[in-house]
Amino acid sequence: MVRLLCLVACFLVNNVIAAEKYIRVTGEATTIEQAKENAFRTAVQQRAGAIVLGERQSVSGKLTRDDISLFSAGYVDDFKIVDINQNGSTIKITLDVLVADSKILNQVLSTGKTNQNINGERAGTALNTFLDQKQKGDRVLDAVLKTYPKNAFKVEQKSYSLYVDSYRNTILEIPYSLKWNYDFIVSMNEAMTLVEDKVNIIGYLNQAPSNVIIMAKNPKDFLIGSKNYYKFNDRILLDNIKDSLLGENELRLMVLISGSSGDMLYRTCFTPITLVGRSPAFYGIGDPKVLTIYGNQVETSSLNVLIAPENNFVIQYASKIEVLVVPLSECRW
């Protein structure tokens, strides 16, 4: 199955009003609260711009899934009800909405006018719309990371060698090279750019609460490459990214031996040597505030598949040997 990921930044600029100006919008639903939420969503998209995310999967060229979500880097700072009109079960509400940019460090969502007063409706709306756009940002990243590690790496297997060890076990030696898929690196850079926070930190090397560094070079270019530094005020976002690289998603190499009819004869999994410290790392996650992706790293080694004498039929009937990139979860049987 081939997975195609499409990240399209479509900024909807119709009716965009200058900062600190209210936008008049309408929303419809069967309840006042839902109508308000629909109006808020329209206002944020108009003011901050909407990013349309499509994640598609294709089997034999046929589209099997198409998920669309919207992400906007803004939240509702204030609103005023202009009109409420009900027609049957449909409620139409007109609001003047003030949208603020969410991309700043330690965002102050709301402040009171006196020591004791609070406009709960205004503060609650600011909080809910802010958290809503953060969750949509998570979906942007999830659409990329859900393809990890299969789409994140490319493995090239070389000609195998077959020999017998001192215990008469058959050893199938398969040289290989493993590297990042540059298309995945591009998708990561696009996703980081879309959801990155504008943090109030002076200096390129000063850390934010979360930091993602992607170092990579287009294999088609002769240039050294680029180092992209993304800063976030959200620790949960970075933790989610790191979790996507670990646990059941951790990178493994599977050797699959099949017969002439496509039936599986033998399979086994290996941990890449970069994950056991015998080769420079594909990524660095030791610092709790930083994730570094070393996009130019290449692992070159060999996989030694041991086949006991009672399983020699595997070699006799083998027609195809494949080395595949899989998550750890596919190596449990």
C-alpha atoms as a PDB file:
ATOM      1  CA  MET A   1       0.000   0.000   0.000  1.00  0.00           C
ATOM      2  CA  VAL A   2       1.296   3.349  -0.985  1.00  0.00           C
ATOM      3  CA  ARG A   3       0.466   6.251   1.271  1.00  0.00           C
ATOM      4  CA  LEU A   4       0.372   9.698  -0.139  1.00  0.00           C
ATOM      5  CA  LEU A   5       0.447  12.625   2.228  1.00  0.00           C
ATOM      6  CA  CYS A   6      -0.598  15.994   0.956  1.00  0.00           C
ATOM      7  CA  LEU A   7      -0.065  19.111   3.045  1.00  0.00           C
ATOM      8  CA  VAL A   8      -1.569  22.096   1.275  1.00  0.00           C
ATOM      9  CA  ALA A   9      -1.352  25.521   2.867  1.00  0.00           C
ATOM     10  CA  CYS A  10      -4.452  27.319   1.597  1.00  0.00           C
ATOM     11  CA  PHE A  11      -4.764  30.710   3.232  1.00  0.00           C
ATOM     12  CA  LEU A  12      -8.329  31.927   2.911  1.00  0.00           C
ATOM     13  CA  VAL A  13      -7.974  35.686   2.785  1.00  0.00           C
ATOM     14  CA  ASN A  14     -11.554  36.678   1.983  1.00  0.00           C
ATOM     15  CA  ASN A  15     -12.832  39.337   4.331  1.00  0.00           C
ATOM     16  CA  VAL A  16      -9.590  39.436   6.335  1.00  0.00           C
ATOM     17  CA  ILE A  17      -9.647  42.510   8.562  1.00  0.00           C
ATOM     18  CA  ALA A  18      -6.652  44.297  10.059  1.00  0.00           C
ATOM     19  CA  ALA A  19      -5.526  43.338  13.574  1.00  0.00           C
ATOM     20  CA  GLU A  20      -7.559  44.659  16.492  1.00  0.00           C
ATOM     21  CA  LYS A  21     -10.709  44.992  14.370  1.00  0.00           C
ATOM     22  CA  TYR A  22     -13.849  42.970  14.854  1.00  0.00           C
ATOM     23  CA  ILE A  23     -15.079  40.676  12.082  1.00  0.00           C
ATOM     24  CA  ARG A  24     -18.827  40.301  11.518  1.00  0.00           C
ATOM     25  CA  VAL A  25     -19.700  36.650  10.947  1.00  0.00           C
ATOM     26  CA  THR A  26     -22.728  34.386  11.130  1.00  0.00           C
ATOM     27  CA  GLY A  27     -23.198  30.843  12.294  1.00  0.00           C
ATOM     28  CA  GLU A  28     -26.063  28.386  11.986  1.00  0.00           C
ATOM     29  CA  ALA A  29     -26.987  25.317  14.016  1.00  0.00           C
ATOM     30  CA  THR A  30     -29.814  23.805  16.022  1.00  0.00           C
ATOM     31  CA  THR A  31     -28.554  25.345  19.292  1.00  0.00           C
ATOM     32  CA  ILE A  32     -27.240  28.796  20.156  1.00  0.00           C
ATOM     33  CA  GLU A  33     -23.938  27.442  21.492  1.00  0.00           C
ATOM     34  CA  GLN A  34     -23.257  25.378  18.370  1.00  0.00           C
ATOM     35  CA  ALA A  35     -24.178  28.317  16.145  1.00  0.00           C
ATOM     36  CA  LYS A  36     -21.724  30.474  18.094  1.00  0.00           C
ATOM     37  CA  GLU A  37     -18.974  27.867  17.710  1.00  0.00           C
ATOM     38  CA  ASN A  38     -19.552  27.743  13.947  1.00  0.00           C
ATOM     39  CA  ALA A  39     -19.364  31.547  13.806  1.00  0.00           C
ATOM     40  CA  PHE A  40     -16.152  31.562  15.872  1.00  0.00           C
ATOM     41  CA  ARG A  41     -14.598  29.010  13.535  1.00  0.00           C
ATOM     42  CA  THR A  42     -15.446  31.147  10.510  1.00  0.00           C
ATOM     43  CA  ALA A  43     -13.991  34.255  12.160  1.00  0.00           C
ATOM     44  CA  VAL A  44     -10.708  32.553  13.080  1.00  0.00           C
ATOM     45  CA  GLN A  45     -10.291  31.161   9.566  1.00  0.00           C
ATOM     46  CA  GLN A  46     -10.967  34.551   8.007  1.00  0.00           C
ATOM     47  CA  ARG A  47      -8.645  36.423  10.326  1.00  0.00           C
ATOM     48  CA  ALA A  48      -5.790  33.953  10.832  1.00  0.00           C
ATOM     49  CA  GLY A  49      -6.096  31.912   7.643  1.00  0.00           C
ATOM     50  CA  ALA A  50      -7.085  28.278   7.304  1.00  0.00           C
ATOM     51  CA  ILE A  51      -4.677  25.501   6.441  1.00  0.00           C
ATOM     52  CA  VAL A  52      -6.354  22.605   4.687  1.00  0.00           C
ATOM     53  CA  LEU A  53      -4.772  19.275   5.500  1.00  0.00           C
ATOM     54  CA  GLY A  54      -5.453  16.225   3.388  1.00  0.00           C
ATOM     55  CA  GLU A  55      -4.136  12.755   4.242  1.00  0.00           C
ATOM     56  CA  ARG A  56      -4.714  10.177   1.554  1.00  0.00           C
ATOM     57  CA  GLN A  57      -4.061   6.504   1.140  1.00  0.00           C
ATOM     58  CA  SER A  58      -4.000   4.766  -2.196  1.00  0.00           C
ATOM     59  CA  VAL A  59      -4.175   1.074  -3.034  1.00  0.00           C
ATOM     60  CA  SER A  60      -3.384   0.176  -6.644  1.00  0.00           C
ATOM     61  CA  GLY A  61      -3.922   3.803  -7.583  1.00  0.00           C
ATOM     62  CA  LYS A  62      -7.444   3.898  -6.091  1.00  0.00           C
ATOM     63  CA  LEU A  63      -8.233   6.418  -3.379  1.00  0.00           C
ATOM     64  CA  THR A  64      -9.379   4.605  -0.244  1.00  0.00           C
ATOM     65  CA  ARG A  65      -9.400   7.395   2.312  1.00  0.00           C
ATOM     66  CA  ASP A  66      -9.414  11.167   2.336  1.00  0.00           C
ATOM     67  CA  ASP A  67      -9.388  12.960   5.677  1.00  0.00           C
ATOM     68  CA  ILE A  68      -9.664  16.731   5.675  1.00  0.00           C
ATOM     69  CA  SER A  69      -9.081  18.958   8.672  1.00  0.00           C
ATOM     70  CA  LEU A  70      -8.637  22.701   9.150  1.00  0.00           C
ATOM     71  CA  PHE A  71      -5.994  24.380  11.277  1.00  0.00           C
ATOM     72  CA  SER A  72      -5.917  28.085  12.092  1.00  0.00           C
ATOM     73  CA  ALA A  73      -3.343  29.774  14.301  1.00  0.00           C
ATOM     74  CA  GLY A  74      -5.735  32.088  16.113  1.00  0.00           C
ATOM     75  CA  TYR A  75      -8.362  32.209  18.841  1.00  0.00           C
ATOM     76  CA  VAL A  76     -11.390  34.321  19.785  1.00  0.00           C
ATOM     77  CA  ASP A  77     -10.294  37.139  22.107  1.00  0.00           C
ATOM     78  CA  ASP A  78     -13.710  38.844  22.365  1.00  0.00           C
ATOM     79  CA  PHE A  79     -17.123  38.833  20.733  1.00  0.00           C
ATOM     80  CA  LYS A  80     -20.400  40.740  20.704  1.00  0.00           C
ATOM     81  CA  ILE A  81     -23.801  39.318  19.818  1.00  0.00           C
ATOM     82  CA  VAL A  82     -25.412  41.401  17.065  1.00  0.00           C
ATOM     83  CA  ASP A  83     -28.500  39.350  16.261  1.00  0.00           C
ATOM     84  CA  ILE A  84     -30.124  35.970  16.924  1.00  0.00           C
ATOM     85  CA  ASN A  85     -32.776  34.674  14.570  1.00  0.00           C
ATOM     86  CA  GLN A  86     -34.608  31.326  14.687  1.00  0.00           C
ATOM     87  CA  ASN A  87     -36.327  29.753  11.711  1.00  0.00           C
ATOM     88  CA  GLY A  88     -37.895  26.440  12.668  1.00  0.00           C
ATOM     89  CA  SER A  89     -35.177  24.309  14.251  1.00  0.00           C
ATOM     90  CA  THR A  90     -32.362  26.399  12.763  1.00  0.00           C
ATOM     91  CA  ILE A  91     -30.788  29.183  14.798  1.00  0.00           C
ATOM     92  CA  LYS A  92     -28.780  31.841  12.981  1.00  0.00           C
ATOM     93  CA  ILE A  93     -26.531  34.077  15.068  1.00  0.00           C
ATOM     94  CA  THR A  94     -24.587  37.139  13.959  1.00  0.00           C
ATOM     95  CA  LEU A  95     -21.499  38.097  15.938  1.00  0.00           C
ATOM     96  CA  ASP A  96     -18.786  40.745  15.883  1.00  0.00           C
ATOM     97  CA  VAL A  97     -15.662  38.735  16.731  1.00  0.00           C
ATOM     98  CA  LEU A  98     -12.153  39.861  17.680  1.00  0.00           C
ATOM     99  CA  VAL A  99      -9.545  37.243  16.731  1.00  0.00           C
ATOM    100  CA  ALA A 100      -6.040  37.212  18.239  1.00  0.00           C
ATOM    101  CA  ASP A 101      -2.897  35.467  17.024  1.00  0.00           C
ATOM    102  CA  SER A 102      -2.108  32.375  19.108  1.00  0.00           C
ATOM    103  CA  LYS A 103       1.499  32.130  17.948  1.00  0.00           C
ATOM    104  CA  ILE A 104       3.194  33.876  20.871  1.00  0.00           C
ATOM    105  CA  LEU A 105       5.005  32.528  23.890  1.00  0.00           C
ATOM    106  CA  ASN A 106       3.132  32.343  27.210  1.00  0.00           C
ATOM    107  CA  GLN A 107      -0.053  33.562  25.558  1.00  0.00           C
ATOM    108  CA  VAL A 108      -2.226  35.779  27.791  1.00  0.00           C
ATOM    109  CA  LEU A 109      -5.700  34.654  26.784  1.00  0.00           C
ATOM    110  CA  SER A 110      -7.734  37.002  28.952  1.00  0.00           C
ATOM    111  CA  THR A 111      -7.371  39.670  31.656  1.00  0.00           C
ATOM    112  CA  GLY A 112      -9.868  41.188  34.069  1.00  0.00           C
ATOM    113  CA  LYS A 113     -10.785  44.857  34.324  1.00  0.00           C
ATOM    114  CA  THR A 114     -10.707  44.837  38.152  1.00  0.00           C
ATOM    115  CA  ASN A 115      -9.167  42.651  40.842  1.00  0.00           C
ATOM    116  CA  GLN A 116     -12.261  40.480  41.177  1.00  0.00           C
ATOM    117  CA  ASN A 117     -14.318  40.550  38.021  1.00  0.00           C
ATOM    118  CA  ILE A 118     -14.192  37.931  35.296  1.00  0.00           C
ATOM    119  CA  ASN A 119     -16.200  37.629  32.119  1.00  0.00           C
ATOM    120  CA  GLY A 120     -16.532  33.876  32.198  1.00  0.00           C
ATOM    121  CA  GLU A 121     -18.142  33.618  28.764  1.00  0.00           C
ATOM    122  CA  ARG A 122     -15.377  35.636  27.126  1.00  0.00           C
ATOM    123  CA  ALA A 123     -12.563  33.858  28.995  1.00  0.00           C
ATOM    124  CA  GLY A 124     -14.101  30.438  28.320  1.00  0.00           C
ATOM    125  CA  THR A 125     -14.464  31.177  24.617  1.00  0.00           C
ATOM    126  CA  ALA A 126     -10.826  32.311  24.397  1.00  0.00           C
ATOM    127  CA  LEU A 127      -9.652  29.175  26.179  1.00  0.00           C
ATOM    128  CA  ASN A 128     -11.784  26.754  24.165  1.00  0.00           C
ATOM    129  CA  THR A 129     -10.934  28.215  20.755  1.00  0.00           C
ATOM    130  CA  PHE A 130      -7.220  28.372  21.662  1.00  0.00           C
ATOM    131  CA  LEU A 131      -7.180  24.704  22.721  1.00  0.00           C
ATOM    132  CA  ASP A 132      -9.228  23.775  19.641  1.00  0.00           C
ATOM    133  CA  GLN A 133      -6.594  25.172  17.285  1.00  0.00           C
ATOM    134  CA  LYS A 134      -3.864  23.394  19.271  1.00  0.00           C
ATOM    135  CA  GLN A 135      -5.700  20.105  18.795  1.00  0.00           C
ATOM    136  CA  LYS A 136      -6.022  20.777  15.072  1.00  0.00           C
ATOM    137  CA  GLY A 137      -2.283  21.448  15.011  1.00  0.00           C
ATOM    138  CA  ASP A 138      -1.810  18.007  16.570  1.00  0.00           C
ATOM    139  CA  ARG A 139      -3.789  16.557  13.647  1.00  0.00           C
ATOM    140  CA  VAL A 140      -1.442  18.257  11.188  1.00  0.00           C
ATOM    141  CA  LEU A 141       1.504  16.499  12.804  1.00  0.00           C
ATOM    142  CA  ASP A 142      -0.372  13.217  13.250  1.00  0.00           C
ATOM    143  CA  ALA A 143      -1.032  13.067   9.502  1.00  0.00           C
ATOM    144  CA  VAL A 144       2.733  13.062   8.917  1.00  0.00           C
ATOM    145  CA  LEU A 145       3.817  10.961  11.871  1.00  0.00           C
ATOM    146  CA  LYS A 146       1.242   8.202  11.354  1.00  0.00           C
ATOM    147  CA  THR A 147       3.327   7.078   8.367  1.00  0.00           C
ATOM    148  CA  TYR A 148       6.401   6.601  10.590  1.00  0.00           C
ATOM    149  CA  PRO A 149       8.573   4.607  10.201  1.00  0.00           C
ATOM    150  CA  LYS A 150       7.456   3.004   6.920  1.00  0.00           C
ATOM    151  CA  ASN A 151       7.385   6.222   4.909  1.00  0.00           C
ATOM    152  CA  ALA A 152      10.134   7.872   6.942  1.00  0.00           C
ATOM    153  CA  PHE A 153      12.990   5.643   5.773  1.00  0.00           C
ATOM    154  CA  LYS A 154      14.270   4.009   2.629  1.00  0.00           C
ATOM    155  CA  VAL A 155      16.151   0.732   2.716  1.00  0.00           C
ATOM    156  CA  GLU A 156      18.245  -0.631  -0.134  1.00  0.00           C
ATOM    157  CA  GLN A 157      19.258  -4.279   0.026  1.00  0.00           C
ATOM    158  CA  LYS A 158      22.321  -5.610  -1.770  1.00  0.00           C
ATOM    159  CA  SER A 159      23.147  -9.075  -3.127  1.00  0.00           C
ATOM    160  CA  TYR A 160      22.915 -11.753  -0.448  1.00  0.00           C
ATOM    161  CA  SER A 161      25.492 -14.368   0.587  1.00  0.00           C
ATOM    162  CA  LEU A 162      24.694 -17.861   1.844  1.00  0.00           C
ATOM    163  CA  TYR A 163      26.936 -19.919   4.095  1.00  0.00           C
ATOM    164  CA  VAL A 164      26.854 -22.483   6.900  1.00  0.00           C
ATOM    165  CA  ASP A 165      28.242 -21.877  10.399  1.00  0.00           C
ATOM    166  CA  SER A 166      30.042 -24.340  12.681  1.00  0.00           C
ATOM    167  CA  TYR A 167      26.689 -25.611  14.019  1.00  0.00           C
ATOM    168  CA  ARG A 168      25.410 -26.298  10.469  1.00  0.00           C
ATOM    169  CA  ASN A 169      22.949 -23.438  10.668  1.00  0.00           C
ATOM    170  CA  THR A 170      22.316 -21.670   7.403  1.00  0.00           C
ATOM    171  CA  ILE A 171      23.314 -18.007   7.508  1.00  0.00           C
ATOM    172  CA  LEU A 172      21.744 -15.671   4.990  1.00  0.00           C
ATOM    173  CA  GLU A 173      23.754 -12.457   4.954  1.00  0.00           C
ATOM    174  CA  ILE A 174      22.026  -9.428   3.411  1.00  0.00           C
ATOM    175  CA  PRO A 175      23.994  -6.169   3.106  1.00  0.00           C
ATOM    176  CA  TYR A 176      21.827  -3.036   3.195  1.00  0.00           C
ATOM    177  CA  SER A 177      21.820   0.723   3.507  1.00  0.00           C
ATOM    178  CA  LEU A 178      19.175   2.630   5.465  1.00  0.00           C
ATOM    179  CA  LYS A 179      18.473   6.355   5.270  1.00  0.00           C
ATOM    180  CA  TRP A 180      15.756   8.932   5.776  1.00  0.00           C
ATOM    181  CA  ASN A 181      13.176   9.350   3.036  1.00  0.00           C
ATOM    182  CA  TYR A 182      13.693  12.957   1.968  1.00  0.00           C
ATOM    183  CA  ASP A 183       9.992  13.302   1.092  1.00  0.00           C
ATOM    184  CA  PHE A 184       9.194  12.568   4.739  1.00  0.00           C
ATOM    185  CA  ILE A 185      11.717  15.210   5.833  1.00  0.00           C
ATOM    186  CA  VAL A 186      10.006  17.732   3.549  1.00  0.00           C
ATOM    187  CA  SER A 187       6.610  16.854   5.044  1.00  0.00           C
ATOM    188  CA  MET A 188       8.009  17.286   8.562  1.00  0.00           C
ATOM    189  CA  ASN A 189       9.423  20.692   7.659  1.00  0.00           C
ATOM    190  CA  GLU A 190       6.070  21.738   6.174  1.00  0.00           C
ATOM    191  CA  ALA A 191       4.162  20.583   9.258  1.00  0.00           C
ATOM    192  CA  MET A 192       6.619  22.308  11.616  1.00  0.00           C
ATOM    193  CA  THR A 193       6.309  25.548   9.651  1.00  0.00           C
ATOM    194  CA  LEU A 194       2.518  25.452   9.871  1.00  0.00           C
ATOM    195  CA  VAL A 195       2.224  24.840  13.608  1.00  0.00           C
ATOM    196  CA  GLU A 196       5.355  26.622  14.850  1.00  0.00           C
ATOM    197  CA  ASP A 197       4.907  29.229  17.573  1.00  0.00           C
ATOM    198  CA  LYS A 198       6.463  32.685  17.315  1.00  0.00           C
ATOM    199  CA  VAL A 199       8.299  32.737  20.610  1.00  0.00           C
ATOM    200  CA  ASN A 200       9.586  35.851  22.319  1.00  0.00           C
ATOM    201  CA  ILE A 201      13.121  34.586  22.714  1.00  0.00           C
ATOM    202  CA  ILE A 202      16.073  36.555  21.409  1.00  0.00           C
ATOM    203  CA  GLY A 203      18.871  34.556  19.839  1.00  0.00           C
ATOM    204  CA  TYR A 204      18.959  31.614  17.473  1.00  0.00           C
ATOM    205  CA  LEU A 205      20.393  29.165  20.012  1.00  0.00           C
ATOM    206  CA  ASN A 206      18.207  30.116  22.979  1.00  0.00           C
ATOM    207  CA  GLN A 207      15.779  27.327  23.800  1.00  0.00           C
ATOM    208  CA  ALA A 208      12.006  27.585  23.933  1.00  0.00           C
ATOM    209  CA  PRO A 209       9.925  25.140  26.030  1.00  0.00           C
ATOM    210  CA  SER A 210      10.034  22.811  22.988  1.00  0.00           C
ATOM    211  CA  ASN A 211      12.488  22.808  20.086  1.00  0.00           C
ATOM    212  CA  VAL A 212      12.642  20.773  16.899  1.00  0.00           C
ATOM    213  CA  ILE A 213      15.768  20.863  14.744  1.00  0.00           C
ATOM    214  CA  ILE A 214      15.771  19.250  11.301  1.00  0.00           C
ATOM    215  CA  MET A 215      19.076  18.968   9.462  1.00  0.00           C
ATOM    216  CA  ALA A 216      18.867  17.574   5.944  1.00  0.00           C
ATOM    217  CA  LYS A 217      20.023  17.944   2.367  1.00  0.00           C
ATOM    218  CA  ASN A 218      18.068  17.235  -0.773  1.00  0.00           C
ATOM    219  CA  PRO A 219      19.838  14.196  -2.284  1.00  0.00           C
ATOM    220  CA  LYS A 220      19.466  15.808  -5.710  1.00  0.00           C
ATOM    221  CA  ASP A 221      21.489  18.849  -4.625  1.00  0.00           C
ATOM    222  CA  PHE A 222      25.226  19.200  -4.174  1.00  0.00           C
ATOM    223  CA  LEU A 223      24.804  21.763  -1.401  1.00  0.00           C
ATOM    224  CA  ILE A 224      25.708  21.064   2.212  1.00  0.00           C
ATOM    225  CA  GLY A 225      22.079  21.203   3.291  1.00  0.00           C
ATOM    226  CA  SER A 226      19.982  23.218   5.702  1.00  0.00           C
ATOM    227  CA  LYS A 227      19.338  23.379   9.436  1.00  0.00           C
ATOM    228  CA  ASN A 228      15.775  24.343  10.290  1.00  0.00           C
ATOM    229  CA  TYR A 229      15.024  25.369  13.879  1.00  0.00           C
ATOM    230  CA  TYR A 230      11.408  25.382  15.103  1.00  0.00           C
ATOM    231  CA  LYS A 231      10.341  26.679  18.502  1.00  0.00           C
ATOM    232  CA  PHE A 232       7.140  25.955  20.402  1.00  0.00           C
ATOM    233  CA  ASN A 233       5.531  27.026  23.649  1.00  0.00           C
ATOM    234  CA  ASP A 234       3.852  23.636  23.921  1.00  0.00           C
ATOM    235  CA  ARG A 235       5.641  20.771  25.708  1.00  0.00           C
ATOM    236  CA  ILE A 236       2.841  18.304  24.904  1.00  0.00           C
ATOM    237  CA  LEU A 237       3.455  18.747  21.178  1.00  0.00           C
ATOM    238  CA  LEU A 238       7.108  17.770  21.484  1.00  0.00           C
ATOM    239  CA  ASP A 239       6.291  14.820  23.749  1.00  0.00           C
ATOM    240  CA  ASN A 240       3.767  13.575  21.175  1.00  0.00           C
ATOM    241  CA  ILE A 241       6.378  13.769  18.412  1.00  0.00           C
ATOM    242  CA  LYS A 242       8.929  11.846  20.461  1.00  0.00           C
ATOM    243  CA  ASP A 243       6.334   9.225  21.426  1.00  0.00           C
ATOM    244  CA  SER A 244       5.658   8.688  17.708  1.00  0.00           C
ATOM    245  CA  LEU A 245       9.287   7.606  17.249  1.00  0.00           C
ATOM    246  CA  LEU A 246       9.399   5.246  20.218  1.00  0.00           C
ATOM    247  CA  GLY A 247       7.546   2.320  21.760  1.00  0.00           C
ATOM    248  CA  GLU A 248       5.492   0.269  19.322  1.00  0.00           C
ATOM    249  CA  ASN A 249       6.439   2.676  16.498  1.00  0.00           C
ATOM    250  CA  GLU A 250      10.184   2.264  16.954  1.00  0.00           C
ATOM    251  CA  LEU A 251      12.085   1.520  13.763  1.00  0.00           C
ATOM    252  CA  ARG A 252      12.792  -2.102  12.837  1.00  0.00           C
ATOM    253  CA  LEU A 253      14.026  -3.953   9.750  1.00  0.00           C
ATOM    254  CA  MET A 254      12.094  -7.053   8.719  1.00  0.00           C
ATOM    255  CA  VAL A 255      13.479  -9.796   6.485  1.00  0.00           C
ATOM    256  CA  LEU A 256      10.653 -11.548   4.656  1.00  0.00           C
ATOM    257  CA  ILE A 257      11.273 -14.704   2.610  1.00  0.00           C
ATOM    258  CA  SER A 258       8.448 -15.848   0.335  1.00  0.00           C
ATOM    259  CA  GLY A 259       7.842 -18.621  -2.172  1.00  0.00           C
ATOM    260  CA  SER A 260       7.010 -18.476  -5.862  1.00  0.00           C
ATOM    261  CA  SER A 261       3.278 -18.193  -5.153  1.00  0.00           C
ATOM    262  CA  GLY A 262       3.814 -15.298  -2.733  1.00  0.00           C
ATOM    263  CA  ASP A 263       3.323 -17.414   0.389  1.00  0.00           C
ATOM    264  CA  MET A 264       5.429 -16.410   3.390  1.00  0.00           C
ATOM    265  CA  LEU A 265       8.089 -18.967   4.297  1.00  0.00           C
ATOM    266  CA  TYR A 266      10.062 -17.096   6.922  1.00  0.00           C
ATOM    267  CA  ARG A 267      10.257 -13.716   8.617  1.00  0.00           C
ATOM    268  CA  THR A 268      12.373 -12.133  11.286  1.00  0.00           C
ATOM    269  CA  CYS A 269      13.141  -8.638  12.572  1.00  0.00           C
ATOM    270  CA  PHE A 270      16.319  -6.740  13.409  1.00  0.00           C
ATOM    271  CA  THR A 271      17.024  -3.594  15.390  1.00  0.00           C
ATOM    272  CA  PRO A 272      18.997  -1.094  13.264  1.00  0.00           C
ATOM    273  CA  ILE A 273      22.497  -0.600  14.631  1.00  0.00           C
ATOM    274  CA  THR A 274      21.906   3.129  15.010  1.00  0.00           C
ATOM    275  CA  LEU A 275      19.396   2.354  17.792  1.00  0.00           C
ATOM    276  CA  VAL A 276      21.931   0.332  19.772  1.00  0.00           C
ATOM    277  CA  GLY A 277      24.689   2.929  19.588  1.00  0.00           C
ATOM    278  CA  ARG A 278      26.844   1.220  16.967  1.00  0.00           C
ATOM    279  CA  SER A 279      26.245   3.895  14.338  1.00  0.00           C
ATOM    280  CA  PRO A 280      25.538   7.666  14.404  1.00  0.00           C
ATOM    281  CA  ALA A 281      21.917   8.344  15.336  1.00  0.00           C
ATOM    282  CA  PHE A 282      19.062   9.145  12.964  1.00  0.00           C
ATOM    283  CA  TYR A 283      17.614  11.415  15.655  1.00  0.00           C
ATOM    284  CA  GLY A 284      18.462  12.810  19.072  1.00  0.00           C
ATOM    285  CA  ILE A 285      15.874  12.837  21.863  1.00  0.00           C
ATOM    286  CA  GLY A 286      18.018  12.900  25.014  1.00  0.00           C
ATOM    287  CA  ASP A 287      17.258  16.521  25.870  1.00  0.00           C
ATOM    288  CA  PRO A 288      13.640  16.732  27.154  1.00  0.00           C
ATOM    289  CA  LYS A 289      13.213  20.087  25.394  1.00  0.00           C
ATOM    290  CA  VAL A 290      14.789  19.180  22.051  1.00  0.00           C
ATOM    291  CA  LEU A 291      14.279  16.772  19.171  1.00  0.00           C
ATOM    292  CA  THR A 292      16.978  16.753  16.497  1.00  0.00           C
ATOM    293  CA  ILE A 293      16.530  14.910  13.205  1.00  0.00           C
ATOM    294  CA  TYR A 294      19.776  14.084  11.388  1.00  0.00           C
ATOM    295  CA  GLY A 295      18.320  13.800   7.917  1.00  0.00           C
ATOM    296  CA  ASN A 296      21.603  13.017   6.142  1.00  0.00           C
ATOM    297  CA  GLN A 297      22.531  10.024   8.291  1.00  0.00           C
ATOM    298  CA  VAL A 298      22.971   6.716   6.438  1.00  0.00           C
ATOM    299  CA  GLU A 299      23.323   3.316   8.113  1.00  0.00           C
ATOM    300  CA  THR A 300      25.299   0.687   6.200  1.00  0.00           C
ATOM    301  CA  SER A 301      25.553  -2.827   7.587  1.00  0.00           C
ATOM    302  CA  SER A 302      24.427  -6.432   7.050  1.00  0.00           C
ATOM    303  CA  LEU A 303      21.566  -8.543   8.377  1.00  0.00           C
ATOM    304  CA  ASN A 304      22.503 -12.116   9.256  1.00  0.00           C
ATOM    305  CA  VAL A 305      19.438 -14.364   9.129  1.00  0.00           C
ATOM    306  CA  LEU A 306      20.023 -17.655  10.966  1.00  0.00           C
ATOM    307  CA  ILE A 307      18.007 -20.612   9.700  1.00  0.00           C
ATOM    308  CA  ALA A 308      18.218 -23.815  11.732  1.00  0.00           C
ATOM    309  CA  PRO A 309      18.788 -27.139   9.896  1.00  0.00           C
ATOM    310  CA  GLU A 310      15.164 -28.249  10.407  1.00  0.00           C
ATOM    311  CA  ASN A 311      14.039 -25.153   8.478  1.00  0.00           C
ATOM    312  CA  ASN A 312      16.273 -25.600   5.433  1.00  0.00           C
ATOM    313  CA  PHE A 313      13.130 -25.965   3.313  1.00  0.00           C
ATOM    314  CA  VAL A 314      12.905 -22.163   3.526  1.00  0.00           C
ATOM    315  CA  ILE A 315      15.959 -21.833   1.309  1.00  0.00           C
ATOM    316  CA  GLN A 316      14.878 -24.658  -0.975  1.00  0.00           C
ATOM    317  CA  TYR A 317      11.510 -23.089  -1.769  1.00  0.00           C
ATOM    318  CA  ALA A 318      12.513 -19.418  -1.519  1.00  0.00           C
ATOM    319  CA  SER A 319      11.721 -17.188  -4.468  1.00  0.00           C
ATOM    320  CA  LYS A 320      12.004 -13.679  -3.011  1.00  0.00           C
ATOM    321  CA  ILE A 321      13.905 -12.014  -0.168  1.00  0.00           C
ATOM    322  CA  GLU A 322      12.756  -8.598   1.002  1.00  0.00           C
ATOM    323  CA  VAL A 323      14.117  -6.179   3.578  1.00  0.00           C
ATOM    324  CA  LEU A 324      11.322  -3.914   4.836  1.00  0.00           C
ATOM    325  CA  VAL A 325      11.053  -0.941   7.165  1.00  0.00           C
ATOM    326  CA  VAL A 326       8.397  -1.684   9.792  1.00  0.00           C
ATOM    327  CA  PRO A 327       7.383  -0.529  13.284  1.00  0.00           C
ATOM    328  CA  LEU A 328       8.176  -2.719  16.284  1.00  0.00           C
ATOM    329  CA  SER A 329       4.470  -3.619  16.548  1.00  0.00           C
ATOM    330  CA  GLU A 330       4.720  -5.659  13.327  1.00  0.00           C
ATOM    331  CA  CYS A 331       7.524  -7.735  14.770  1.00  0.00           C
ATOM    332  CA  ARG A 332       5.373  -9.330  17.459  1.00  0.00           C
ATOM    333  CA  TRP A 333       4.002 -12.755  16.472  1.00  0.00           C
END
